[in-house]
Amino acid sequence: MQDKRLLVVGGTGVISFAVVNEALKQGWKVTCINRGISHTQTLSPDVEQIISDYRNETLIREKLKGRIFDAVLDVLCYTEKDIEYSVSLFKDHCKQYLFFSSAEAYNKPKYADVIYNEDADLVNPLWSYSINKAKCEERLKELAEKVNLTYTIIRPAITYGNTRIPYGVMPGYGFHGTIIQRILNEKPIILWDEGKAIAQITRVEDFAVGLVGLLGNSKAYNQAFHICGDEAYTWKDVIDVLGQILGKQPKYVNLSSSDLAREMPNYKEQILGGRAISQHLDNSKLKKAVPEFKTNISLYEGVKKTVDYYRSNNYLLGIDFAFDAQWDRIAKKYGCSLPLKFIDYLGSSSLKEQLIYFCSYHQMTFILKVVRKLFK
C-alpha cells in the first residue's frame, strides 16, 4: 500500500501539534514546515521537518520540487494575501488543500441562541478576525476554481490542549499558568456577563480525529466543516472545573462585556464579537463524514491534562505579569476588596517582570513599551 503523505505548515501549535500526532498514529507520513523553534511542544522524530521561515518562498519551492502530498494543511492564513500566497505555493504539490478558517467566521450576532450548521451566513461584523477568515474562504473558492484545486475548509470552535486553558479571555499560549496561579493564590478571575455565554469546547486530541478523518476523504472535497465535540459549557463552568482540579474555590469579579471591552481594548473585538455571544454548533455533517469522531475527553479530564502539563514543564513560558496586573487593576476598580499586589508566583521573577507588572497596573503604556525594549 502506498504511503499517505501529509504536509503541515507549522506543527507545534495547539491544534496542529495534535493533528500531526494523530496523523502519525493513523499511519500518515508527515512533513512540517516551520522554523524549528518551539518553547512548548516537541515534534516526534518521525516527522520530517523543513526548517525554514514559511515566507521564504524560494527555499520552500526548492524543498518541494517534484513532491506531491495527499493533503496539505495550512494553519497560518489570516488574510486574502495569505491565502493567495499559500495556494500559489502548494497548488501543484497536493491532492487536497485544507484551510483553517474558524467557527467565529459565522455571523454570531445574527445567529445567537440558535444552532449553527455549515450553511449559516458568514461574516461576524463585530470582529475583524472573523471578517478576514470569511474573506479567505471566498478567495480560496475563487482560486480553487481557477487552478482546479480540491479544497476542504476547517472551522474550529473553541479548542484547547497542553498549552491552553479554554477560557474566553487569556494571555498568550504558554502563559496560561497565570490563571492557575491566580486561583491558587486566591486572586479573582474576571467574569463578563456573569460568565453565562456558552461555547462548544473540544480537546485537541478529539479534534484531531475529526480532522485526520477528513484527509483523503471524498466526502470532504470542496466542503466546509466545523469541528467540535458534543459538550457545551459556560465560561464560568470552565473556571469552576479548573478550581475543582486545583482544589481551590475560584473568586470572581463580574462586569459587563462592554465594560470589560473598554478596560481591555486589545481584546475588544474578541470579547464583543465572540466571547460575549453564545454559540451552538451542529456537528452532524462531520460525524457523517467521519463516523469515528466523538467526544472522548471530558472538560475535567482535558483541563487536568493541561494543568499537569504546565506543572511538569516548569509552567512553560512563565507568568504574563502584564495580564496579571491588568486583571488586578480591573478587579480593584470593579469592587474587589482583596489586597491585590505583585506576587512572585514561581519564586523566580526578575526586575523586568516586576516593572512590567507595575507599569501595566498603572496603565503606563509608553513606559511599559520602553521597559520591554530595554530588557529585550
Protein backbone atom coordinates (compact mmCIF):
# COMPACT_ATOMS: atom_id res chain seq x y z
CA MET A 1 0.00 0.00 0.00
CA GLN A 2 1.37 3.42 -0.94
CA ASP A 3 2.25 5.77 1.92
CA LYS A 4 -0.21 8.58 2.67
CA ARG A 5 1.65 11.87 2.89
CA LEU A 6 0.61 15.00 4.78
CA LEU A 7 2.33 18.39 4.70
CA VAL A 8 1.60 20.74 7.62
CA VAL A 9 2.59 24.38 7.80
CA GLY A 10 3.55 24.75 11.46
CA GLY A 11 3.01 21.62 13.52
CA THR A 12 3.84 22.79 17.04
CA GLY A 13 0.75 24.92 17.72
CA VAL A 14 -2.11 23.87 19.97
CA ILE A 15 -4.16 22.30 17.18
CA SER A 16 -1.54 21.43 14.57
CA PHE A 17 0.58 19.50 17.09
CA ALA A 18 -2.36 17.22 17.90
CA VAL A 19 -3.17 16.78 14.20
CA VAL A 20 0.43 15.77 13.44
CA ASN A 21 0.38 13.18 16.24
CA GLU A 22 -2.99 11.75 15.20
CA ALA A 23 -1.88 11.55 11.56
CA LEU A 24 1.24 9.63 12.60
CA LYS A 25 -0.92 7.33 14.71
CA GLN A 26 -3.09 6.61 11.66
CA GLY A 27 -0.10 5.77 9.51
CA TRP A 28 0.46 9.03 7.64
CA LYS A 29 3.93 10.21 6.70
CA VAL A 30 4.09 13.77 7.98
CA THR A 31 6.26 16.67 6.86
CA CYS A 32 6.19 20.02 8.67
CA ILE A 33 7.38 23.42 7.51
CA ASN A 34 8.45 25.52 10.48
CA ARG A 35 11.37 27.44 11.91
CA GLY A 36 12.43 24.53 14.11
CA ILE A 37 11.78 26.53 17.27
CA SER A 38 9.18 25.64 19.90
CA HIS A 39 9.30 26.53 23.57
CA THR A 40 6.27 24.46 24.49
CA GLN A 41 5.94 21.20 22.47
CA THR A 42 8.42 18.97 20.63
CA LEU A 43 7.59 17.14 17.41
CA SER A 44 8.06 13.40 17.12
CA PRO A 45 11.34 12.29 15.49
CA ASP A 46 9.13 10.51 12.94
CA VAL A 47 8.18 13.91 11.49
CA GLU A 48 10.21 15.22 8.58
CA GLN A 49 10.90 18.92 9.17
CA ILE A 50 11.64 21.52 6.54
CA ILE A 51 13.37 24.15 8.66
CA SER A 52 12.54 27.48 7.13
CA ASP A 53 10.60 30.68 7.53
CA TYR A 54 7.33 29.91 5.78
CA ARG A 55 7.69 33.18 3.85
CA ASN A 56 11.00 32.13 2.31
CA GLU A 57 9.29 31.27 -0.96
CA THR A 58 12.45 30.45 -2.90
CA LEU A 59 13.66 27.91 -0.34
CA ILE A 60 10.22 26.33 0.15
CA ARG A 61 9.75 25.89 -3.60
CA GLU A 62 13.18 24.29 -3.84
CA LYS A 63 12.37 21.87 -0.98
CA LEU A 64 9.01 20.91 -2.52
CA LYS A 65 10.26 20.45 -6.08
CA GLY A 66 8.93 17.20 -7.54
CA ARG A 67 6.96 16.29 -4.41
CA ILE A 68 3.24 15.54 -4.20
CA PHE A 69 1.35 15.22 -0.90
CA ASP A 70 -2.05 13.65 -0.46
CA ALA A 71 -3.01 16.61 1.73
CA VAL A 72 -1.57 19.99 2.67
CA LEU A 73 -2.77 21.74 5.83
CA ASP A 74 -2.03 25.44 6.22
CA VAL A 75 -2.97 26.92 9.61
CA LEU A 76 -1.26 30.28 9.03
CA CYS A 77 -3.65 32.07 6.66
CA TYR A 78 -5.39 35.09 8.15
CA THR A 79 -5.85 37.44 5.19
CA GLU A 80 -6.66 37.20 1.49
CA LYS A 81 -2.99 37.83 0.68
CA ASP A 82 -2.06 34.89 2.92
CA ILE A 83 -4.42 32.53 1.10
CA GLU A 84 -3.20 33.74 -2.29
CA TYR A 85 0.39 33.06 -1.29
CA SER A 86 -0.44 29.66 0.19
CA VAL A 87 -2.43 28.44 -2.82
CA SER A 88 0.27 29.60 -5.23
CA LEU A 89 2.86 27.74 -3.16
CA PHE A 90 1.04 24.43 -2.74
CA LYS A 91 -1.42 24.07 -5.65
CA ASP A 92 0.96 21.86 -7.63
CA HIS A 93 2.03 19.78 -4.64
CA CYS A 94 -1.19 18.39 -3.16
CA LYS A 95 -4.28 16.37 -3.96
CA GLN A 96 -6.28 18.09 -1.21
CA TYR A 97 -5.70 21.53 0.29
CA LEU A 98 -7.04 22.24 3.79
CA PHE A 99 -7.57 25.79 5.00
CA PHE A 100 -8.00 26.65 8.67
CA SER A 101 -10.85 29.09 8.96
CA SER A 102 -12.86 29.47 12.19
CA ALA A 103 -16.33 28.89 13.61
CA GLU A 104 -16.02 32.53 14.65
CA ALA A 105 -16.48 33.36 10.96
CA TYR A 106 -20.23 32.79 11.33
CA ASN A 107 -22.44 35.82 11.84
CA LYS A 108 -22.75 35.28 15.59
CA PRO A 109 -24.82 38.40 16.34
CA LYS A 110 -27.42 37.20 13.80
CA TYR A 111 -27.48 33.58 14.92
CA ALA A 112 -27.22 33.97 18.69
CA ASP A 113 -29.19 31.30 20.57
CA VAL A 114 -29.76 29.09 17.51
CA ILE A 115 -27.92 26.01 16.30
CA TYR A 116 -25.44 26.72 13.51
CA ASN A 117 -24.71 24.35 10.67
CA GLU A 118 -22.11 24.89 7.98
CA ASP A 119 -24.59 26.73 5.77
CA ALA A 120 -25.12 29.59 8.25
CA ASP A 121 -24.20 33.05 7.00
CA LEU A 122 -20.58 34.03 7.35
CA VAL A 123 -19.01 37.31 8.43
CA ASN A 124 -19.34 38.46 12.00
CA PRO A 125 -19.32 42.26 11.57
CA LEU A 126 -18.05 42.83 15.11
CA TRP A 127 -14.69 41.09 14.73
CA SER A 128 -12.04 41.77 12.08
CA TYR A 129 -10.64 38.24 12.61
CA SER A 130 -14.00 36.81 11.54
CA ILE A 131 -14.27 39.19 8.60
CA ASN A 132 -10.82 38.23 7.33
CA LYS A 133 -11.40 34.48 7.74
CA ALA A 134 -14.63 34.74 5.74
CA LYS A 135 -12.81 36.68 3.03
CA CYS A 136 -10.14 33.96 2.95
CA GLU A 137 -12.80 31.32 2.39
CA GLU A 138 -14.30 33.21 -0.55
CA ARG A 139 -10.89 33.88 -2.07
CA LEU A 140 -9.93 30.22 -1.71
CA LYS A 141 -13.03 29.13 -3.60
CA GLU A 142 -12.26 31.59 -6.41
CA LEU A 143 -8.66 30.42 -6.69
CA ALA A 144 -9.54 26.74 -6.42
CA GLU A 145 -11.91 27.01 -9.37
CA LYS A 146 -9.25 28.72 -11.47
CA VAL A 147 -6.47 26.21 -10.78
CA ASN A 148 -8.64 23.07 -10.34
CA LEU A 149 -7.68 22.64 -6.69
CA THR A 150 -9.58 20.30 -4.38
CA TYR A 151 -10.03 22.00 -1.02
CA THR A 152 -11.56 21.48 2.42
CA ILE A 153 -12.38 24.33 4.80
CA ILE A 154 -11.98 23.64 8.51
CA ARG A 155 -13.76 25.85 11.05
CA PRO A 156 -12.52 25.05 14.55
CA ALA A 157 -14.64 26.10 17.51
CA ILE A 158 -13.05 26.55 20.97
CA THR A 159 -10.18 24.08 21.18
CA TYR A 160 -7.59 23.56 23.87
CA GLY A 161 -4.61 21.36 24.62
CA ASN A 162 -1.43 21.15 26.65
CA THR A 163 -0.67 24.87 26.45
CA ARG A 164 -4.19 26.35 26.51
CA ILE A 165 -6.90 26.51 29.15
CA PRO A 166 -10.14 27.09 27.22
CA TYR A 167 -11.23 30.31 28.89
CA GLY A 168 -12.53 33.08 26.65
CA VAL A 169 -10.01 35.81 27.56
CA MET A 170 -6.49 34.65 28.34
CA PRO A 171 -2.83 35.58 27.91
CA GLY A 172 -0.83 34.01 25.07
CA TYR A 173 -0.35 30.26 24.75
CA GLY A 174 2.35 29.04 27.10
CA PHE A 175 1.39 31.68 29.70
CA HIS A 176 -1.88 30.12 30.88
CA GLY A 177 -0.21 29.14 34.13
CA THR A 178 -1.01 32.77 35.03
CA ILE A 179 -4.65 31.76 35.56
CA ILE A 180 -3.66 28.65 37.51
CA GLN A 181 -1.53 30.73 39.85
CA ARG A 182 -4.21 33.38 40.31
CA ILE A 183 -6.63 30.73 41.58
CA LEU A 184 -4.02 29.07 43.80
CA ASN A 185 -3.11 32.45 45.30
CA GLU A 186 -6.76 33.48 45.75
CA LYS A 187 -6.69 36.30 43.24
CA PRO A 188 -10.01 36.92 41.44
CA ILE A 189 -10.87 35.71 37.96
CA ILE A 190 -12.61 38.24 35.72
CA LEU A 191 -16.08 37.21 34.53
CA TRP A 192 -18.10 39.06 31.92
CA ASP A 193 -21.90 38.97 31.93
CA GLU A 194 -21.68 36.52 34.84
CA GLY A 195 -19.91 34.03 32.57
CA LYS A 196 -23.19 32.83 31.07
CA ALA A 197 -22.28 32.74 27.36
CA ILE A 198 -22.00 29.18 26.04
CA ALA A 199 -19.25 27.69 23.87
CA GLN A 200 -18.65 24.22 22.47
CA ILE A 201 -15.24 23.24 23.78
CA THR A 202 -13.15 20.41 22.38
CA ARG A 203 -9.82 18.96 23.49
CA VAL A 204 -7.40 18.91 20.55
CA GLU A 205 -6.86 15.15 20.64
CA ASP A 206 -10.58 14.69 19.88
CA PHE A 207 -10.49 17.49 17.31
CA ALA A 208 -7.57 15.80 15.53
CA VAL A 209 -9.56 12.59 15.00
CA GLY A 210 -12.14 14.62 13.13
CA LEU A 211 -9.63 16.49 11.00
CA VAL A 212 -7.45 13.50 10.10
CA GLY A 213 -10.64 11.65 9.17
CA LEU A 214 -11.24 14.30 6.51
CA LEU A 215 -7.84 13.77 4.87
CA GLY A 216 -8.24 11.94 1.58
CA ASN A 217 -11.97 11.64 2.32
CA SER A 218 -14.06 12.29 -0.79
CA LYS A 219 -16.95 13.48 1.42
CA ALA A 220 -14.73 16.39 2.44
CA TYR A 221 -13.81 17.57 -1.04
CA ASN A 222 -14.82 21.17 -1.71
CA GLN A 223 -16.76 21.24 1.55
CA ALA A 224 -16.62 23.15 4.83
CA PHE A 225 -16.79 21.55 8.29
CA HIS A 226 -16.78 22.99 11.73
CA ILE A 227 -15.07 20.55 14.07
CA CYS A 228 -16.38 20.48 17.61
CA GLY A 229 -17.44 17.93 20.17
CA ASP A 230 -20.85 17.47 21.73
CA GLU A 231 -20.18 19.27 25.00
CA ALA A 232 -21.11 22.92 25.60
CA TYR A 233 -20.11 24.93 28.66
CA THR A 234 -20.38 28.43 30.01
CA TRP A 235 -17.17 30.36 30.65
CA LYS A 236 -17.88 30.13 34.38
CA ASP A 237 -18.12 26.34 34.03
CA VAL A 238 -14.54 26.30 32.72
CA ILE A 239 -13.12 28.16 35.71
CA ASP A 240 -15.25 26.19 38.17
CA VAL A 241 -13.80 22.98 36.74
CA LEU A 242 -10.29 24.42 36.94
CA GLY A 243 -10.93 25.27 40.60
CA GLN A 244 -12.04 21.67 41.26
CA ILE A 245 -8.82 20.38 39.74
CA LEU A 246 -6.71 22.79 41.80
CA GLY A 247 -8.67 22.17 44.99
CA LYS A 248 -9.47 25.89 45.32
CA GLN A 249 -12.78 27.70 45.05
CA PRO A 250 -12.21 30.46 42.47
CA LYS A 251 -13.00 34.02 43.44
CA TYR A 252 -14.77 36.11 40.82
CA VAL A 253 -15.22 39.74 39.89
CA ASN A 254 -18.06 40.27 37.41
CA LEU A 255 -18.59 43.11 34.98
CA SER A 256 -20.45 43.56 31.73
CA SER A 257 -18.83 42.52 28.46
CA SER A 258 -18.96 46.14 27.28
CA ASP A 259 -17.15 47.29 30.43
CA LEU A 260 -14.53 44.56 30.02
CA ALA A 261 -14.03 45.51 26.37
CA ARG A 262 -13.43 49.09 27.43
CA GLU A 263 -10.95 48.02 30.13
CA MET A 264 -9.12 45.63 27.77
CA PRO A 265 -9.17 47.46 24.41
CA ASN A 266 -6.78 44.97 22.77
CA TYR A 267 -9.44 42.29 23.36
CA LYS A 268 -12.45 44.45 22.46
CA GLU A 269 -13.46 42.73 19.21
CA GLN A 270 -12.79 39.27 20.61
CA ILE A 271 -14.99 39.98 23.63
CA LEU A 272 -17.91 41.74 21.96
CA GLY A 273 -17.82 39.77 18.70
CA GLY A 274 -17.05 36.38 20.18
CA ARG A 275 -16.84 35.61 23.88
CA ALA A 276 -19.95 37.53 24.91
CA ILE A 277 -22.20 35.65 22.43
CA SER A 278 -23.33 32.05 22.91
CA GLN A 279 -22.68 29.65 20.05
CA HIS A 280 -24.28 26.25 19.49
CA LEU A 281 -22.88 24.16 16.63
CA ASP A 282 -24.39 21.14 14.89
CA ASN A 283 -21.61 18.59 14.26
CA SER A 284 -23.73 16.05 12.37
CA LYS A 285 -22.09 16.81 9.00
CA LEU A 286 -18.68 15.92 10.42
CA LYS A 287 -20.00 12.76 12.07
CA LYS A 288 -21.44 11.57 8.76
CA ALA A 289 -18.11 12.11 7.02
CA VAL A 290 -16.01 10.76 9.92
CA PRO A 291 -18.14 8.26 11.90
CA GLU A 292 -15.35 7.60 14.41
CA PHE A 293 -15.38 11.20 15.59
CA LYS A 294 -16.85 11.76 19.07
CA THR A 295 -16.08 13.42 22.38
CA ASN A 296 -13.76 11.14 24.33
CA ILE A 297 -12.15 13.64 26.70
CA SER A 298 -14.36 15.45 29.20
CA LEU A 299 -13.69 19.05 30.19
CA TYR A 300 -12.46 17.95 33.61
CA GLU A 301 -10.09 15.35 32.19
CA GLY A 302 -8.87 17.65 29.44
CA VAL A 303 -8.19 20.67 31.67
CA LYS A 304 -6.44 18.41 34.17
CA LYS A 305 -4.11 17.30 31.38
CA THR A 306 -3.33 20.96 30.71
CA VAL A 307 -2.67 21.73 34.38
CA ASP A 308 -0.44 18.66 34.70
CA TYR A 309 1.49 19.68 31.60
CA TYR A 310 2.14 23.16 32.96
CA ARG A 311 3.22 21.83 36.33
CA SER A 312 5.52 19.18 34.90
CA ASN A 313 7.14 21.66 32.48
CA ASN A 314 8.02 24.44 34.93
CA TYR A 315 4.99 26.47 33.84
CA LEU A 316 6.29 26.65 30.26
CA LEU A 317 6.81 30.32 29.34
CA GLY A 318 6.16 31.52 32.88
CA ILE A 319 3.76 34.22 34.08
CA ASP A 320 2.30 37.02 31.98
CA PHE A 321 2.67 39.77 34.57
CA ALA A 322 1.21 42.43 32.26
CA PHE A 323 -2.01 40.40 32.01
CA ASP A 324 -1.89 39.60 35.72
CA ALA A 325 -1.60 43.29 36.62
CA GLN A 326 -4.34 44.24 34.17
CA TRP A 327 -6.76 41.84 35.86
CA ASP A 328 -5.73 43.09 39.31
CA ARG A 329 -6.46 46.65 38.23
CA ILE A 330 -9.85 45.73 36.75
CA ALA A 331 -10.80 43.64 39.79
CA LYS A 332 -9.94 46.52 42.12
CA LYS A 333 -11.89 49.02 40.03
CA TYR A 334 -14.98 46.83 39.97
CA GLY A 335 -15.28 46.20 43.67
CA CYS A 336 -12.74 43.57 44.73
CA SER A 337 -11.83 44.16 48.40
CA LEU A 338 -8.93 41.71 48.44
CA PRO A 339 -5.37 43.11 48.74
CA LEU A 340 -4.11 42.78 45.16
CA LYS A 341 -0.39 43.19 44.54
CA PHE A 342 2.59 41.72 42.71
CA ILE A 343 3.19 38.08 43.68
CA ASP A 344 6.30 36.17 42.68
CA TYR A 345 4.25 33.08 41.91
CA LEU A 346 7.11 30.83 40.82
CA GLY A 347 9.83 32.29 43.07
CA SER A 348 11.95 33.37 40.12
CA SER A 349 10.63 36.75 38.96
CA SER A 350 13.04 39.31 37.54
CA LEU A 351 13.22 43.07 37.93
CA LYS A 352 11.84 43.34 34.41
CA GLU A 353 8.73 41.35 35.37
CA GLN A 354 8.17 43.47 38.47
CA LEU A 355 8.42 46.64 36.39
CA ILE A 356 6.07 45.20 33.77
CA TYR A 357 3.50 44.46 36.48
CA PHE A 358 3.82 47.97 37.93
CA CYS A 359 3.51 49.71 34.55
CA SER A 360 0.59 47.55 33.43
CA TYR A 361 -1.30 48.01 36.70
CA HIS A 362 -0.99 51.78 36.46
CA GLN A 363 -1.69 51.78 32.69
CA MET A 364 1.68 53.34 31.92
CA THR A 365 1.59 52.08 28.34
CA PHE A 366 4.50 54.07 26.95
CA ILE A 367 6.80 53.25 29.88
CA LEU A 368 5.77 49.58 29.61
CA LYS A 369 6.95 49.54 25.99
CA VAL A 370 10.23 51.17 27.00
CA VAL A 371 10.79 48.63 29.79
CA ARG A 372 10.21 45.71 27.43
CA LYS A 373 12.54 47.19 24.85
CA LEU A 374 15.31 47.89 27.37
CA PHE A 375 15.21 44.36 28.75
CA LYS A 376 14.78 42.58 25.39
